[in-house]
């Protein structure tokens, strides 16, 4: 994934954030996981952990590598 974005650091950061937004907006599973994490996260921490492992951590790592 790191090789698929080209340009300056700011351009690559923008591309990654747009990629994440598009992925959330088009993927029903991610939308449902995000919604469930936000509404039921206190009662179901394993849902939050799964969402973090599958989506948040990879995105944060990719963004962190740019900063």
C-alpha atoms as a PDB file:
ATOM      1  CA  UNK A   1       0.000   0.000   0.000  1.00  0.00           C
ATOM      2  CA  UNK A   2       2.843   2.431   0.735  1.00  0.00           C
ATOM      3  CA  UNK A   3       4.017   2.311  -2.902  1.00  0.00           C
ATOM      4  CA  UNK A   4       0.598   3.043  -4.365  1.00  0.00           C
ATOM      5  CA  UNK A   5       0.548   6.719  -3.294  1.00  0.00           C
ATOM      6  CA  UNK A   6       2.795   9.200  -5.071  1.00  0.00           C
ATOM      7  CA  UNK A   7       3.653  12.860  -4.598  1.00  0.00           C
ATOM      8  CA  UNK A   8       4.715  15.084  -1.748  1.00  0.00           C
ATOM      9  CA  UNK A   9       4.139  14.090   1.849  1.00  0.00           C
ATOM     10  CA  UNK A  10       1.046  16.322   2.003  1.00  0.00           C
ATOM     11  CA  UNK A  11      -0.330  14.831  -1.222  1.00  0.00           C
ATOM     12  CA  UNK A  12       0.224  11.264  -0.006  1.00  0.00           C
ATOM     13  CA  UNK A  13      -1.413  12.081   3.340  1.00  0.00           C
ATOM     14  CA  UNK A  14      -4.413  13.528   1.516  1.00  0.00           C
ATOM     15  CA  UNK A  15      -4.583  10.461  -0.752  1.00  0.00           C
ATOM     16  CA  UNK A  16      -4.510   8.084   2.233  1.00  0.00           C
ATOM     17  CA  UNK A  17      -7.248   9.983   4.050  1.00  0.00           C
ATOM     18  CA  UNK A  18      -9.400  10.063   0.912  1.00  0.00           C
ATOM     19  CA  UNK A  19      -8.775   6.339   0.442  1.00  0.00           C
ATOM     20  CA  UNK A  20      -9.911   5.675   4.022  1.00  0.00           C
ATOM     21  CA  UNK A  21     -13.002   7.857   3.626  1.00  0.00           C
ATOM     22  CA  UNK A  22     -13.940   6.133   0.365  1.00  0.00           C
ATOM     23  CA  UNK A  23     -13.404   2.720   1.933  1.00  0.00           C
ATOM     24  CA  UNK A  24     -15.676   3.616   4.857  1.00  0.00           C
ATOM     25  CA  UNK A  25     -18.324   5.124   2.595  1.00  0.00           C
ATOM     26  CA  UNK A  26     -18.432   2.119   0.237  1.00  0.00           C
ATOM     27  CA  UNK A  27     -17.880  -0.850   2.560  1.00  0.00           C
ATOM     28  CA  UNK A  28     -21.007  -1.775   4.501  1.00  0.00           C
ATOM     29  CA  UNK A  29     -19.066  -4.082   6.821  1.00  0.00           C
ATOM     30  CA  UNK A  30     -16.735  -1.281   7.890  1.00  0.00           C
ATOM     31  CA  UNK A  31     -19.698   1.070   8.341  1.00  0.00           C
ATOM     32  CA  UNK A  32     -21.459  -1.464  10.535  1.00  0.00           C
ATOM     33  CA  UNK A  33     -18.316  -2.150  12.569  1.00  0.00           C
ATOM     34  CA  UNK A  34     -17.761   1.573  13.102  1.00  0.00           C
ATOM     35  CA  UNK A  35     -21.385   2.128  14.091  1.00  0.00           C
ATOM     36  CA  UNK A  36     -21.336  -0.865  16.444  1.00  0.00           C
ATOM     37  CA  UNK A  37     -18.022   0.240  17.960  1.00  0.00           C
ATOM     38  CA  UNK A  38     -19.400   3.693  18.672  1.00  0.00           C
ATOM     39  CA  UNK A  39     -22.756   2.598  20.046  1.00  0.00           C
ATOM     40  CA  UNK A  40     -21.874  -0.614  21.871  1.00  0.00           C
ATOM     41  CA  UNK A  41     -18.146  -0.269  22.498  1.00  0.00           C
ATOM     42  CA  UNK A  42     -18.464  -0.128  26.266  1.00  0.00           C
ATOM     43  CA  UNK A  43     -20.501  -3.330  26.392  1.00  0.00           C
ATOM     44  CA  UNK A  44     -18.599  -5.154  23.646  1.00  0.00           C
ATOM     45  CA  UNK A  45     -14.919  -4.186  23.820  1.00  0.00           C
ATOM     46  CA  UNK A  46     -13.947  -7.061  21.517  1.00  0.00           C
ATOM     47  CA  UNK A  47     -15.840  -5.291  18.708  1.00  0.00           C
ATOM     48  CA  UNK A  48     -13.777  -2.155  19.285  1.00  0.00           C
ATOM     49  CA  UNK A  49     -10.578  -4.210  19.336  1.00  0.00           C
ATOM     50  CA  UNK A  50     -11.453  -5.922  16.071  1.00  0.00           C
ATOM     51  CA  UNK A  51     -12.308  -2.653  14.324  1.00  0.00           C
ATOM     52  CA  UNK A  52      -9.076  -1.145  15.611  1.00  0.00           C
ATOM     53  CA  UNK A  53      -6.997  -4.117  14.433  1.00  0.00           C
ATOM     54  CA  UNK A  54      -8.615  -4.317  10.995  1.00  0.00           C
ATOM     55  CA  UNK A  55      -8.985  -0.651  10.094  1.00  0.00           C
ATOM     56  CA  UNK A  56      -7.685   1.941  12.529  1.00  0.00           C
ATOM     57  CA  UNK A  57      -4.237   0.507  13.240  1.00  0.00           C
ATOM     58  CA  UNK A  58      -3.268  -0.047   9.572  1.00  0.00           C
ATOM     59  CA  UNK A  59      -4.481   3.435   8.665  1.00  0.00           C
ATOM     60  CA  UNK A  60      -2.727   5.037  11.618  1.00  0.00           C
ATOM     61  CA  UNK A  61       0.472   3.178  10.753  1.00  0.00           C
ATOM     62  CA  UNK A  62       0.333   4.309   7.147  1.00  0.00           C
ATOM     63  CA  UNK A  63      -0.287   7.913   8.156  1.00  0.00           C
ATOM     64  CA  UNK A  64       2.366   7.713  10.850  1.00  0.00           C
ATOM     65  CA  UNK A  65       4.935   6.612   8.287  1.00  0.00           C
ATOM     66  CA  UNK A  66       4.335   9.877   6.421  1.00  0.00           C
ATOM     67  CA  UNK A  67       4.683  12.154   9.418  1.00  0.00           C
END
